[in-house]
């Protein structure tokens, strides 16, 4: 008897020495959480990387990973085979995917030889895009989504790639209908082991919904928003909102 195709999803996050590739910044940490058929497996991937350079002051305040700590860690080229083997064939889910994929593809380009990109090994989906489609006009950062879906992230004092990937997996499950082992048989009927939460039965297709109206902000609200973003950028050193 044939079986339905296994849905393997990997939630990924990276930490870097800074925000801009053009300034010579590199990846210093990769964290991945594996989920198969909407169940977390515990088969995670975590690796610190010696980038051969210091982190910028703003980035260091965010992740707290020092050059001294990374001194005995492997270079990116040393971890590449195992990392690519781990993600191969999966659906990669990343919050603000262009940032992490940009850095990963840059690292691959530095290895020389025939250039490959992450998209050659797996499908990439951006959970930030999904969140914006579901919650237009609202804040959709990982912290904001945790508050919206009542996910506790108070234990996160600093950003870390593996911890952020674990939080993202929880957020994604909440956004798309809860944790479930639902499989569709060849006939297209739902399996008997659908997951549930709060008395409601969910399936992984529940993300599909009617288009929501978009209410545009007034000029005064936009000005206040830009002022608030500038204050955040000055205090954190991160410029991700423009």
Protein backbone atom coordinates (compact mmCIF):
# COMPACT_ATOMS: atom_id res chain seq x y z
CA UNK A 1 0.00 0.00 0.00
CA UNK A 2 1.46 3.41 -1.01
CA UNK A 3 1.82 6.19 1.55
CA UNK A 4 1.29 9.92 1.23
CA UNK A 5 4.40 12.04 0.81
CA UNK A 6 5.96 13.07 4.11
CA UNK A 7 5.83 16.81 4.80
CA UNK A 8 9.27 17.76 6.13
CA UNK A 9 9.64 21.37 7.21
CA UNK A 10 12.70 23.02 8.70
CA UNK A 11 12.54 26.31 10.60
CA UNK A 12 15.80 28.20 10.22
CA UNK A 13 17.43 31.26 11.72
CA UNK A 14 20.92 32.71 11.54
CA UNK A 15 22.98 35.18 13.51
CA UNK A 16 25.51 37.33 11.70
CA UNK A 17 28.33 39.76 12.45
CA UNK A 18 26.21 42.60 11.07
CA UNK A 19 23.30 43.45 8.84
CA UNK A 20 24.96 44.21 5.51
CA UNK A 21 26.76 41.67 3.31
CA UNK A 22 28.45 44.48 1.39
CA UNK A 23 30.26 45.46 4.60
CA UNK A 24 31.91 42.04 4.76
CA UNK A 25 29.60 40.59 7.38
CA UNK A 26 29.34 36.82 7.77
CA UNK A 27 27.22 34.14 9.41
CA UNK A 28 28.28 33.08 12.92
CA UNK A 29 25.39 30.81 13.96
CA UNK A 30 22.81 28.60 12.26
CA UNK A 31 19.86 27.04 14.08
CA UNK A 32 17.29 24.67 12.56
CA UNK A 33 14.24 22.89 13.98
CA UNK A 34 12.76 19.91 12.11
CA UNK A 35 9.05 19.22 11.86
CA UNK A 36 7.58 16.25 10.01
CA UNK A 37 3.85 16.15 9.26
CA UNK A 38 3.41 19.05 11.72
CA UNK A 39 5.11 17.24 14.59
CA UNK A 40 8.40 18.48 16.04
CA UNK A 41 10.91 15.64 15.86
CA UNK A 42 13.79 16.87 18.01
CA UNK A 43 16.16 16.23 15.09
CA UNK A 44 17.48 19.78 15.15
CA UNK A 45 20.64 21.34 13.72
CA UNK A 46 22.77 23.90 15.56
CA UNK A 47 26.19 25.22 14.68
CA UNK A 48 28.39 28.14 15.70
CA UNK A 49 30.77 29.34 12.98
CA UNK A 50 34.11 31.14 13.09
CA UNK A 51 33.62 34.02 10.66
CA UNK A 52 37.19 35.29 10.97
CA UNK A 53 36.08 38.79 11.95
CA UNK A 54 34.49 40.72 14.82
CA UNK A 55 30.79 41.43 15.08
CA UNK A 56 29.63 45.00 14.68
CA UNK A 57 28.67 46.70 17.94
CA UNK A 58 24.96 46.74 17.14
CA UNK A 59 24.90 43.06 16.20
CA UNK A 60 26.85 42.08 19.30
CA UNK A 61 24.25 43.77 21.48
CA UNK A 62 21.57 41.65 19.81
CA UNK A 63 23.16 38.17 19.94
CA UNK A 64 26.04 38.51 22.44
CA UNK A 65 28.28 36.08 20.49
CA UNK A 66 31.89 37.23 20.86
CA UNK A 67 34.87 36.65 18.59
CA UNK A 68 36.69 34.90 21.46
CA UNK A 69 33.83 32.45 21.87
CA UNK A 70 33.94 31.62 18.15
CA UNK A 71 37.73 31.26 17.96
CA UNK A 72 37.71 27.44 18.13
CA UNK A 73 34.54 26.95 16.07
CA UNK A 74 34.66 25.58 12.48
CA UNK A 75 34.66 27.74 9.36
CA UNK A 76 31.58 27.81 7.14
CA UNK A 77 33.27 25.64 4.50
CA UNK A 78 33.78 22.91 7.12
CA UNK A 79 30.12 22.72 8.09
CA UNK A 80 28.69 23.10 4.59
CA UNK A 81 28.35 19.40 3.58
CA UNK A 82 26.49 18.40 6.76
CA UNK A 83 24.29 21.49 6.69
CA UNK A 84 23.24 21.06 3.05
CA UNK A 85 22.58 17.37 3.62
CA UNK A 86 20.34 18.27 6.57
CA UNK A 87 18.15 20.74 4.66
CA UNK A 88 18.08 18.87 1.34
CA UNK A 89 14.57 18.19 0.05
CA UNK A 90 12.81 20.01 2.90
CA UNK A 91 10.58 23.06 2.97
CA UNK A 92 12.67 25.77 4.62
CA UNK A 93 10.62 28.28 6.64
CA UNK A 94 12.33 31.50 7.68
CA UNK A 95 11.02 34.74 9.17
CA UNK A 96 12.20 37.48 6.80
CA UNK A 97 13.75 34.88 4.51
CA UNK A 98 15.60 37.27 2.12
CA UNK A 99 17.96 38.26 4.93
CA UNK A 100 19.03 34.75 5.96
CA UNK A 101 18.99 33.30 2.43
CA UNK A 102 21.04 36.25 1.21
CA UNK A 103 23.75 35.51 3.79
CA UNK A 104 23.65 31.75 3.21
CA UNK A 105 23.97 32.14 -0.55
CA UNK A 106 26.79 34.62 -0.06
CA UNK A 107 28.65 32.11 2.09
CA UNK A 108 28.19 29.45 -0.60
CA UNK A 109 29.48 31.84 -3.25
CA UNK A 110 32.72 32.30 -1.29
CA UNK A 111 33.52 28.59 -1.49
CA UNK A 112 34.51 28.79 -5.15
CA UNK A 113 33.91 26.16 -7.80
CA UNK A 114 30.48 25.69 -9.33
CA UNK A 115 28.19 28.07 -7.51
CA UNK A 116 25.08 26.58 -5.89
CA UNK A 117 22.37 28.39 -3.95
CA UNK A 118 20.13 27.26 -1.11
CA UNK A 119 17.15 27.12 -3.46
CA UNK A 120 18.92 24.32 -5.37
CA UNK A 121 18.57 22.10 -2.31
CA UNK A 122 15.17 22.95 -0.87
CA UNK A 123 12.04 25.07 -1.15
CA UNK A 124 12.10 28.35 0.77
CA UNK A 125 9.04 30.04 2.28
CA UNK A 126 8.88 33.27 4.25
CA UNK A 127 6.73 33.14 7.39
CA UNK A 128 6.79 36.95 7.52
CA UNK A 129 4.93 37.03 4.19
CA UNK A 130 2.38 34.56 5.56
CA UNK A 131 1.92 36.66 8.70
CA UNK A 132 1.42 39.85 6.69
CA UNK A 133 -1.22 38.15 4.55
CA UNK A 134 -3.04 36.94 7.65
CA UNK A 135 -2.63 40.16 9.67
CA UNK A 136 -2.43 43.09 7.23
CA UNK A 137 -1.58 46.44 8.75
CA UNK A 138 -0.37 44.92 12.01
CA UNK A 139 3.09 44.34 13.48
CA UNK A 140 4.34 40.91 12.42
CA UNK A 141 7.73 40.61 14.03
CA UNK A 142 8.41 37.34 15.85
CA UNK A 143 7.88 39.07 19.20
CA UNK A 144 4.59 40.59 18.04
CA UNK A 145 3.36 37.21 16.78
CA UNK A 146 4.29 35.58 20.09
CA UNK A 147 2.07 38.08 21.90
CA UNK A 148 -0.74 37.66 19.36
CA UNK A 149 -0.75 33.87 19.69
CA UNK A 150 0.03 33.78 23.43
CA UNK A 151 3.41 32.08 23.00
CA UNK A 152 5.79 32.61 25.92
CA UNK A 153 9.20 33.92 24.84
CA UNK A 154 10.16 35.63 28.09
CA UNK A 155 13.17 33.31 28.44
CA UNK A 156 14.80 34.98 25.42
CA UNK A 157 17.13 37.67 26.80
CA UNK A 158 19.32 37.66 23.67
CA UNK A 159 18.66 36.46 20.14
CA UNK A 160 19.99 32.99 19.34
CA UNK A 161 19.53 31.08 16.10
CA UNK A 162 18.27 27.82 17.60
CA UNK A 163 16.03 29.47 20.18
CA UNK A 164 14.51 31.78 17.55
CA UNK A 165 13.91 28.78 15.27
CA UNK A 166 12.09 26.97 18.07
CA UNK A 167 9.93 30.04 18.71
CA UNK A 168 9.23 30.38 14.98
CA UNK A 169 8.07 26.76 14.81
CA UNK A 170 5.60 27.41 17.66
CA UNK A 171 4.38 30.60 15.96
CA UNK A 172 3.97 28.86 12.60
CA UNK A 173 1.93 26.05 14.12
CA UNK A 174 -0.30 28.57 15.85
CA UNK A 175 -0.73 30.64 12.68
CA UNK A 176 -1.58 27.68 10.49
CA UNK A 177 -3.90 25.74 12.74
CA UNK A 178 -2.05 24.00 15.55
CA UNK A 179 0.10 20.89 15.77
CA UNK A 180 -1.39 17.91 13.97
CA UNK A 181 -0.51 14.64 12.31
CA UNK A 182 -3.10 15.11 9.57
CA UNK A 183 -2.32 13.27 6.34
CA UNK A 184 -4.39 13.16 3.17
CA UNK A 185 -4.90 9.73 1.65
CA UNK A 186 -4.89 8.97 -2.03
CA UNK A 187 -8.64 9.52 -2.19
CA UNK A 188 -8.20 13.05 -0.79
CA UNK A 189 -10.10 12.32 2.43
CA UNK A 190 -8.74 13.48 5.74
CA UNK A 191 -6.99 11.00 8.02
CA UNK A 192 -8.45 10.08 11.36
CA UNK A 193 -5.66 11.57 13.47
CA UNK A 194 -6.32 15.27 12.96
CA UNK A 195 -4.95 17.40 15.78
CA UNK A 196 -7.04 19.71 17.89
CA UNK A 197 -6.66 22.70 20.15
CA UNK A 198 -9.16 24.43 22.36
CA UNK A 199 -11.98 22.16 21.23
CA UNK A 200 -11.53 22.94 17.52
CA UNK A 201 -10.17 20.54 14.93
CA UNK A 202 -7.42 21.96 12.74
CA UNK A 203 -5.70 20.92 9.55
CA UNK A 204 -2.69 22.29 7.76
CA UNK A 205 -4.86 23.77 5.01
CA UNK A 206 -6.61 26.13 7.41
CA UNK A 207 -4.29 28.99 6.38
CA UNK A 208 -6.53 29.42 3.33
CA UNK A 209 -9.11 32.10 4.03
CA UNK A 210 -11.02 34.94 2.42
CA UNK A 211 -9.03 38.03 1.50
CA UNK A 212 -9.10 40.55 4.32
CA UNK A 213 -9.72 44.27 3.76
CA UNK A 214 -6.69 46.59 3.92
CA UNK A 215 -7.23 49.78 5.88
CA UNK A 216 -4.54 52.34 5.02
CA UNK A 217 -3.04 54.50 7.74
CA UNK A 218 -3.50 58.26 7.74
CA UNK A 219 -0.54 60.58 7.10
CA UNK A 220 -0.21 61.53 10.77
CA UNK A 221 -0.17 57.85 11.76
CA UNK A 222 2.54 57.10 9.16
CA UNK A 223 4.70 59.96 10.48
CA UNK A 224 4.34 58.68 14.05
CA UNK A 225 5.19 55.15 12.87
CA UNK A 226 8.38 56.30 11.11
CA UNK A 227 9.43 58.23 14.23
CA UNK A 228 8.92 55.10 16.35
CA UNK A 229 10.95 52.94 13.95
CA UNK A 230 13.80 55.46 14.01
CA UNK A 231 13.86 55.31 17.82
CA UNK A 232 14.03 51.48 17.68
CA UNK A 233 16.87 51.56 15.15
CA UNK A 234 18.85 54.05 17.25
CA UNK A 235 18.50 51.89 20.38
CA UNK A 236 19.18 48.48 18.77
CA UNK A 237 21.45 49.25 15.84
CA UNK A 238 19.25 47.08 13.59
CA UNK A 239 17.70 48.44 10.41
CA UNK A 240 15.22 45.85 9.20
CA UNK A 241 12.04 47.87 8.80
CA UNK A 242 12.76 49.98 5.70
